[in-house]
Protein backbone atom coordinates (compact mmCIF):
# COMPACT_ATOMS: atom_id res chain seq x y z
CA MET A 1 157.46 138.78 99.48
CA ALA A 2 157.11 142.53 99.23
CA ARG A 3 159.99 144.49 97.22
CA VAL A 4 161.92 147.42 99.04
CA LEU A 5 163.65 149.52 97.13
CA GLN A 6 166.86 151.39 99.73
CA SER A 7 168.56 152.66 96.22
CA THR A 8 164.58 155.23 96.12
CA ALA A 9 166.49 157.36 99.22
CA GLU A 10 169.98 157.54 97.67
CA LEU A 11 168.20 158.27 94.16
CA GLY A 12 166.70 161.77 95.80
CA ASP A 13 170.10 163.12 97.52
CA LEU A 14 171.80 161.90 94.08
CA MET A 15 169.57 164.14 91.76
CA ALA A 16 169.02 166.88 94.40
CA ALA A 17 172.59 167.58 94.54
CA THR A 18 172.69 167.28 90.41
CA PHE A 19 170.47 170.48 90.40
CA ARG A 20 172.79 172.30 93.30
CA ASP A 21 174.79 171.85 91.34
CA LEU A 22 173.50 173.24 88.15
CA ASP A 23 172.46 176.29 90.21
CA ALA A 24 175.80 176.82 91.44
CA ALA A 25 177.46 176.65 88.17
CA ALA A 26 174.56 179.24 86.99
CA ARG A 27 175.97 181.40 89.81
CA ASP A 28 179.65 181.35 88.93
CA PRO A 29 181.42 183.70 86.24
CA GLY A 30 183.62 181.49 85.31
CA ARG A 31 181.24 178.33 84.45
CA ARG A 32 179.12 177.31 81.71
CA VAL A 33 175.34 176.21 81.46
CA ALA A 34 173.89 174.38 78.62
CA TRP A 35 170.31 173.06 78.21
CA CYS A 36 169.72 169.85 76.06
CA THR A 37 166.85 168.16 75.01
CA SER A 38 166.69 164.60 76.70
CA VAL A 39 168.07 162.30 73.47
CA GLY A 40 170.45 165.12 72.20
CA PRO A 41 174.18 165.70 72.55
CA ALA A 42 174.81 166.01 76.26
CA GLU A 43 177.98 164.08 75.87
CA LEU A 44 179.49 166.80 73.66
CA LEU A 45 178.43 169.17 76.16
CA ARG A 46 179.88 167.62 79.33
CA ALA A 47 183.18 166.74 77.46
CA MET A 48 183.46 170.61 77.25
CA GLY A 49 183.52 171.87 80.01
CA PHE A 50 179.16 172.70 79.81
CA GLU A 51 177.21 171.59 83.05
CA VAL A 52 174.21 170.21 81.32
CA PHE A 53 170.72 171.02 82.25
CA PHE A 54 167.83 168.87 80.88
CA PRO A 55 163.88 171.02 80.35
CA GLU A 56 162.21 167.88 79.68
CA ASN A 57 163.52 166.65 83.07
CA HIS A 58 161.99 169.25 84.59
CA ALA A 59 158.88 169.46 83.18
CA ALA A 60 158.68 165.57 84.42
CA MET A 61 158.86 167.10 87.45
CA LEU A 62 155.83 169.93 87.11
CA GLY A 63 153.98 166.95 85.39
CA ALA A 64 155.76 164.14 88.61
CA SER A 65 153.74 167.19 91.34
CA ARG A 66 150.72 167.82 90.03
CA ARG A 67 151.58 171.09 89.03
CA ALA A 68 151.79 170.88 85.35
CA THR A 69 148.00 171.65 84.27
CA GLU A 70 147.82 174.73 86.37
CA PHE A 71 151.03 176.55 84.43
CA ILE A 72 149.82 175.22 81.20
CA PRO A 73 147.27 177.83 80.51
CA ARG A 74 149.82 180.81 80.65
CA ALA A 75 151.84 178.76 78.23
CA ASN A 76 148.57 178.95 75.53
CA ALA A 77 147.38 182.68 76.83
CA ALA A 78 151.08 183.63 75.39
CA GLY A 79 150.58 181.98 72.08
CA TYR A 80 151.43 178.55 72.92
CA SER A 81 148.06 176.09 71.68
CA PRO A 82 146.61 174.01 74.34
CA ASP A 83 147.18 171.05 71.49
CA ILE A 84 151.37 170.73 71.34
CA CYS A 85 153.35 168.93 73.40
CA SER A 86 152.62 169.55 77.47
CA TYR A 87 155.92 169.20 78.37
CA LEU A 88 156.64 172.78 76.38
CA THR A 89 153.67 174.78 78.00
CA SER A 90 154.03 173.30 81.18
CA ASP A 91 157.80 174.48 81.64
CA ILE A 92 156.99 177.74 79.68
CA GLY A 93 153.71 178.34 81.88
CA ALA A 94 156.10 177.50 84.96
CA TRP A 95 158.66 179.94 84.15
CA LEU A 96 155.66 183.01 83.26
CA SER A 97 154.74 182.18 86.28
CA GLY A 98 157.64 182.49 88.52
CA TYR A 99 157.58 178.67 89.77
CA CYS A 100 161.35 176.09 89.40
CA ALA A 101 159.88 173.40 90.02
CA LEU A 102 164.13 172.27 91.44
CA SER A 103 162.64 173.65 94.54
CA ARG A 104 160.84 170.60 95.71
CA PRO A 105 164.00 168.75 96.30
CA CYS A 106 166.25 172.07 96.83
CA PRO A 107 164.25 174.78 98.32
CA GLU A 108 167.32 176.90 98.45
CA ILE A 109 166.91 176.75 94.48
CA THR A 110 164.10 179.75 93.16
CA THR A 111 165.36 179.33 89.34
CA VAL A 112 166.01 177.58 86.58
CA PRO A 113 170.02 178.01 85.80
CA ARG A 114 170.91 180.58 83.35
CA PRO A 115 171.90 178.58 79.84
CA ASP A 116 174.59 179.73 78.31
CA VAL A 117 173.40 177.82 75.04
CA LEU A 118 170.76 175.65 74.16
CA VAL A 119 171.36 172.76 71.92
CA TYR A 120 168.10 170.48 70.55
CA HIS A 121 168.02 167.66 68.50
CA THR A 122 165.28 166.86 66.79
CA ASN A 123 165.06 163.09 66.62
CA GLN A 124 162.72 163.22 69.25
CA CYS A 125 160.10 165.55 67.82
CA ARG A 126 160.02 169.33 66.22
CA ASP A 127 158.62 170.64 69.53
CA VAL A 128 161.66 170.94 70.99
CA VAL A 129 162.73 174.03 68.15
CA ASP A 130 160.58 175.84 69.34
CA TRP A 131 160.84 175.48 72.57
CA PHE A 132 164.49 176.66 72.97
CA ALA A 133 163.98 179.59 71.23
CA TYR A 134 161.84 180.62 73.57
CA TYR A 135 164.12 180.74 76.17
CA ALA A 136 167.17 181.92 73.59
CA ARG A 137 165.18 184.94 72.75
CA MET A 138 164.37 185.46 76.70
CA PHE A 139 167.90 184.66 77.68
CA ASP A 140 169.12 186.04 74.56
CA VAL A 141 171.58 183.72 74.34
CA PRO A 142 172.64 181.14 71.39
CA LEU A 143 170.67 178.60 69.97
CA LEU A 144 172.10 175.68 68.12
CA GLY A 145 170.12 172.36 67.15
CA ILE A 146 170.70 169.09 65.48
CA ALA A 147 168.13 168.44 62.75
CA SER A 148 167.30 164.63 62.49
CA PRO A 149 165.89 162.21 60.07
CA ARG A 150 162.76 160.84 60.97
CA GLY A 151 160.54 157.77 60.22
CA VAL A 152 164.40 155.37 59.73
CA GLU A 153 163.77 152.12 58.26
CA ARG A 154 167.45 151.04 58.13
CA VAL A 155 170.04 153.21 59.91
CA THR A 156 172.77 153.66 57.19
CA ARG A 157 176.04 154.95 56.69
CA ASP A 158 174.28 158.12 54.78
CA LEU A 159 172.30 158.66 57.81
CA VAL A 160 174.75 158.62 60.64
CA ASP A 161 176.83 160.31 58.45
CA ALA A 162 174.39 163.22 58.01
CA VAL A 163 173.60 163.33 61.68
CA ALA A 164 177.40 162.99 62.07
CA SER A 165 178.33 166.00 60.39
CA GLN A 166 176.34 167.96 61.73
CA LEU A 167 177.56 167.41 65.33
CA ARG A 168 181.18 168.06 64.02
CA ALA A 169 179.65 171.70 63.08
CA LEU A 170 179.04 172.17 67.00
CA VAL A 171 182.34 171.86 68.39
CA GLN A 172 183.66 175.43 66.98
CA PRO A 173 180.84 177.80 68.34
CA LEU A 174 180.59 175.57 71.60
CA GLU A 175 184.26 176.27 71.72
CA ALA A 176 183.83 180.13 71.74
CA ILE A 177 181.10 179.86 74.04
CA ALA A 178 183.12 177.29 76.78
CA GLY A 179 186.54 179.62 75.95
CA ALA A 180 187.96 176.42 75.69
CA PRO A 181 188.77 173.75 73.08
CA LEU A 182 187.30 169.98 72.66
CA ASP A 183 189.78 167.89 74.15
CA PRO A 184 189.36 164.53 72.08
CA ASP A 185 190.40 162.80 75.69
CA MET A 186 187.66 164.14 77.68
CA LEU A 187 185.21 163.66 74.52
CA GLY A 188 186.24 159.67 74.90
CA ALA A 189 185.86 159.61 78.26
CA THR A 190 182.66 161.19 78.82
CA ILE A 191 180.86 158.99 76.03
CA ALA A 192 182.60 156.08 77.60
CA ALA A 193 181.02 156.51 80.93
CA SER A 194 178.02 157.16 79.17
CA ARG A 195 177.98 153.74 77.67
CA GLU A 196 178.54 152.21 80.99
CA THR A 197 175.96 153.37 82.48
CA SER A 198 173.73 153.13 79.12
CA ASP A 199 175.16 149.24 79.88
CA LEU A 200 173.99 149.18 83.22
CA TRP A 201 170.89 150.66 83.12
CA ARG A 202 169.95 148.20 79.94
CA GLN A 203 170.56 145.64 83.06
CA VAL A 204 168.37 146.97 85.35
CA LEU A 205 165.59 146.80 82.95
CA GLY A 206 166.39 143.75 81.87
CA THR A 207 166.19 142.41 85.72
CA ALA A 208 162.30 142.70 84.89
CA ALA A 209 162.61 139.09 82.54
CA ARG A 210 162.84 137.59 85.70
CA ARG A 211 159.53 135.97 87.12
CA PRO A 212 157.98 137.29 89.64
CA SER A 213 159.35 140.69 88.33
CA PRO A 214 161.88 142.78 90.88
CA LEU A 215 161.41 146.05 88.63
CA THR A 216 158.39 147.49 87.06
CA PHE A 217 157.31 150.68 84.63
CA PHE A 218 156.37 152.51 87.39
CA ASP A 219 159.57 152.03 88.84
CA GLY A 220 161.88 152.36 85.98
CA CYS A 221 160.62 155.70 85.43
CA ILE A 222 161.70 157.27 88.87
CA HIS A 223 165.20 155.27 88.71
CA MET A 224 166.48 156.42 84.97
CA GLY A 225 166.92 159.68 86.30
CA PRO A 226 170.16 159.77 86.98
CA ALA A 227 170.48 157.57 82.77
CA VAL A 228 168.78 161.34 82.05
CA VAL A 229 170.52 163.71 83.58
CA LEU A 230 174.18 162.62 84.69
CA ARG A 231 175.21 160.76 81.17
CA GLY A 232 178.92 161.18 80.66
CA ASP A 233 179.20 161.78 84.27
CA PRO A 234 180.61 158.82 86.49
CA ARG A 235 177.85 159.15 89.61
CA ALA A 236 175.06 157.40 87.31
CA SER A 237 177.03 154.52 87.22
CA ALA A 238 178.18 153.78 90.30
CA TYR A 239 173.89 154.54 90.92
CA TYR A 240 173.23 151.39 88.44
CA ARG A 241 175.31 149.33 89.95
CA ARG A 242 174.35 149.87 93.04
CA LEU A 243 170.87 149.36 92.02
CA LEU A 244 171.31 146.31 89.51
CA SER A 245 173.08 144.64 92.99
CA GLU A 246 170.02 145.52 95.07
CA LEU A 247 167.54 144.23 92.19
CA GLN A 248 169.27 140.91 91.49
CA ALA A 249 169.05 140.69 95.97
CA VAL A 250 165.78 141.21 95.66
CA VAL A 251 165.11 138.26 93.18
CA ASP A 252 167.69 136.33 94.93
CA GLN A 253 165.11 136.27 97.98
CA GLY A 254 161.95 135.67 95.65
CA GLY A 255 161.02 138.99 96.58
CA ALA A 256 158.45 140.80 94.30
CA ALA A 257 157.40 144.21 92.40
CA VAL A 258 154.11 143.43 92.23
CA PRO A 259 153.30 140.54 95.39
CA GLY A 260 151.08 137.32 93.92
CA GLU A 261 152.42 139.11 90.45
CA ARG A 262 149.47 137.21 88.22
CA VAL A 263 149.41 139.42 84.69
CA ARG A 264 152.86 140.97 82.68
CA LEU A 265 152.40 143.42 80.54
CA TYR A 266 154.16 146.42 78.06
CA TRP A 267 153.46 149.99 78.89
CA GLU A 268 154.14 151.84 75.09
CA GLY A 269 154.43 155.63 75.51
CA MET A 270 154.83 158.33 77.42
CA PRO A 271 154.07 158.26 81.09
CA ILE A 272 151.39 159.66 83.27
CA TRP A 273 153.41 161.86 84.90
CA GLY A 274 150.72 162.68 87.30
CA ARG A 275 149.03 159.50 87.82
CA LEU A 276 152.12 157.09 87.84
CA ARG A 277 151.38 156.23 91.49
CA ASP A 278 147.86 155.51 91.16
CA LEU A 279 148.13 153.79 87.90
CA SER A 280 151.44 151.57 90.01
CA GLY A 281 148.57 151.22 92.73
CA ARG A 282 145.79 150.40 90.22
CA PHE A 283 148.20 147.39 88.35
CA ALA A 284 149.29 146.34 91.07
CA ASP A 285 146.19 145.79 92.94
CA LEU A 286 145.31 143.58 90.47
CA GLY A 287 148.00 141.75 90.44
CA ALA A 288 149.71 142.80 86.93
CA SER A 289 152.98 143.70 86.80
CA VAL A 290 153.68 146.61 84.09
CA VAL A 291 157.35 144.93 83.52
CA ALA A 292 158.83 147.41 80.80
CA SER A 293 158.20 149.84 78.11
CA THR A 294 159.70 151.94 75.20
CA TYR A 295 159.93 154.49 77.09
CA CYS A 296 162.43 153.61 79.49
CA SER A 297 164.09 151.91 76.95
CA SER A 298 164.90 155.48 75.35
CA TRP A 299 168.01 155.71 77.05
CA VAL A 300 170.10 152.86 76.38
CA PHE A 301 172.28 153.45 73.49
CA ASP A 302 174.32 150.61 72.47
CA ALA A 303 176.14 151.94 69.32
CA LEU A 304 178.28 154.71 71.79
CA ASP A 305 181.32 153.91 71.27
CA PRO A 306 184.41 156.49 72.58
CA ASP A 307 186.65 155.41 69.62
CA ALA A 308 184.20 157.26 67.46
CA PRO A 309 182.90 159.73 69.20
CA PHE A 310 180.67 161.34 66.56
CA GLU A 311 179.90 158.69 64.48
CA SER A 312 178.22 156.50 67.16
CA MET A 313 176.56 159.70 68.86
CA ALA A 314 174.89 159.65 65.69
CA ARG A 315 174.14 156.05 65.51
CA ALA A 316 172.91 155.96 68.96
CA SER A 317 170.42 159.09 68.14
CA LEU A 318 168.93 157.55 64.76
CA GLU A 319 168.37 153.69 66.48
CA LEU A 320 166.23 155.70 68.87
CA PHE A 321 162.53 153.97 68.98
CA ILE A 322 160.78 157.17 68.66
CA THR A 323 163.07 157.70 65.35
CA ARG A 324 162.21 154.90 63.19
CA THR A 325 159.50 153.55 60.77
CA ASP A 326 156.23 151.70 62.21
CA PRO A 327 157.18 148.49 61.21
CA VAL A 328 160.82 148.66 62.60
CA LYS A 329 158.78 149.30 65.57
CA GLU A 330 155.56 146.49 65.78
CA ARG A 331 159.24 144.20 65.33
CA ILE A 332 160.41 145.53 68.53
CA LEU A 333 157.47 145.15 70.36
CA ALA A 334 156.76 141.93 69.61
CA ALA A 335 160.78 140.38 70.12
CA GLU A 336 160.25 142.51 73.73
CA ALA A 337 156.95 140.68 73.72
CA HIS A 338 158.75 137.39 74.23
CA ARG A 339 161.69 138.80 76.18
CA PHE A 340 159.68 139.89 78.96
CA GLY A 341 156.49 136.81 78.52
CA ILE A 342 153.89 139.61 78.47
CA GLN A 343 150.43 138.94 78.03
CA GLY A 344 149.46 142.11 77.21
CA PHE A 345 150.46 145.72 75.58
CA VAL A 346 148.98 149.03 77.16
CA PHE A 347 149.27 151.39 74.86
CA HIS A 348 149.27 155.22 76.10
CA GLU A 349 147.91 157.38 72.98
CA ALA A 350 149.18 161.39 74.70
CA ARG A 351 146.83 163.94 73.76
CA THR A 352 149.70 166.36 72.82
CA CYS A 353 153.09 163.68 71.94
CA PRO A 354 152.10 162.61 68.79
CA ASN A 355 155.79 161.22 68.68
CA ASN A 356 155.68 159.47 71.27
CA THR A 357 151.93 158.41 70.11
CA ASN A 358 151.75 154.87 68.75
CA SER A 359 148.33 153.73 68.29
CA ARG A 360 146.84 156.25 66.72
CA TYR A 361 147.07 154.35 62.89
CA GLY A 362 146.40 151.32 63.68
CA MET A 363 149.72 149.57 65.53
CA PRO A 364 147.73 147.38 68.48
CA GLY A 365 145.48 146.18 65.50
CA ARG A 366 148.53 144.78 63.63
CA LEU A 367 150.86 144.28 66.98
CA GLU A 368 148.27 141.93 68.22
CA ALA A 369 147.36 140.55 64.66
CA ALA A 370 150.93 139.24 64.79
CA THR A 371 152.10 138.26 68.24
CA GLY A 372 148.55 137.47 69.58
CA LEU A 373 148.63 139.65 72.38
CA PRO A 374 145.66 141.51 73.36
CA ALA A 375 146.09 145.54 73.22
CA LEU A 376 144.49 148.34 75.83
CA VAL A 377 144.50 152.09 74.44
CA LEU A 378 144.38 154.72 77.68
CA ALA A 379 143.89 157.85 76.12
CA GLY A 380 145.73 160.46 78.06
CA ASP A 381 148.76 162.89 77.71
CA LEU A 382 152.23 163.19 79.83
CA ASN A 383 150.78 166.22 81.85
CA ASP A 384 147.82 167.86 81.11
CA LEU A 385 145.49 165.85 83.58
CA ARG A 386 142.47 167.67 81.86
CA MET A 387 142.91 164.86 79.18
CA PHE A 388 142.99 161.90 81.45
CA SER A 389 139.81 160.78 83.54
CA ASP A 390 140.51 158.48 86.41
CA ASP A 391 137.62 156.36 86.38
CA THR A 392 137.71 155.70 82.99
CA ALA A 393 141.19 154.39 82.35
CA ARG A 394 140.57 152.31 85.60
CA LEU A 395 136.79 150.48 84.20
CA ALA A 396 139.49 150.03 80.86
CA ILE A 397 141.95 148.49 82.70
CA GLU A 398 139.86 146.48 85.15
CA ALA A 399 138.48 145.17 82.53
CA PHE A 400 141.29 144.55 80.22
CA ILE A 401 143.27 142.77 83.16
CA GLU A 402 139.73 140.16 83.62
CA GLN A 403 140.40 139.47 79.84
CA LEU A 404 143.96 138.37 80.61
CA HIS A 405 143.35 136.53 83.46
CA PRO A 406 139.81 136.72 85.25
CA ALA A 407 141.48 135.39 88.32
CA GLY A 408 142.40 138.88 88.19
CA ALA A 409 139.98 141.11 88.87
CA ARG A 410 139.61 141.35 92.42
């Protein structure tokens, strides 16, 4: 039985409403807009009354629309290397070209919302500093940020305290920009709302442990939108309650994201945004369901606690998969393989995203030795499609599925 998710249409309306709210806030002298990195301190900003914009979401929209490769050369010409993050270069290139991806769902929006402040967190990578610094210069607004440890083996109290102190240090300058003091009760309520969204999103992703899976990684890349851009906003939780109910009904009715599911796979690394639909169809045609990923799980924050706001935000940021050492990552992947009953890993080696590429230093081989599960490494990029070969990927995927399930390659 093929699965049809009605929530997808609702998602489009919710995202469009979010973008319109941002546009309205940027045009209202009495409101404030903060730009934030995708796993930055969004809860703090929202609690202080800022409307929050995520440039990484904008960049992913550029990639998904296949416009990113068109804009990257503009950023290269402005001095940004083609080897650095293609989120950064496509986003800056689009700005230099006068193009805004928000105009696709909302034609009346012609530019990204003007920020009053930009706030980064380097827990994902250092590129976000240079990315946000560019716009701080362009808009002549403050740039604030948190420098976070990487390669974390154990999340110790000392590390939590170090990040929490930086979070607290943001409050005073943000209060000056917001024109109002931080309300501790509002911060607690915002973190509680974010934790509820996180818990529901975890449950949504967890439905893929069922056989057959009602959800794939490619679906998750679309439905994760509210978990990214509406953290701390009750609308996100409301959306995931409805999506979870729908997925549970699909399971009860024997539906499947991939009818005739034969092979279950795990995607490690960034999406290839401009080929999301094509790859989804390619795997599905071979009876392969990509049931889980580290990427979609990046917005699951189990540590968030409204009773310990700064410490729990710090701990949640340090527990991110991307911040951990390779041995920790490998243990996580082995556990996920068992949980979701997968038969192989697909590693995306993203040319311009070394921070979220884990196939360059022997991890696929070590993981295969530990779990007995083979791995396929696909060369590509998150946004720059010049780094991806459709023919090479097609042949590699077909051979890999044939290896895992000889009857699966058709």
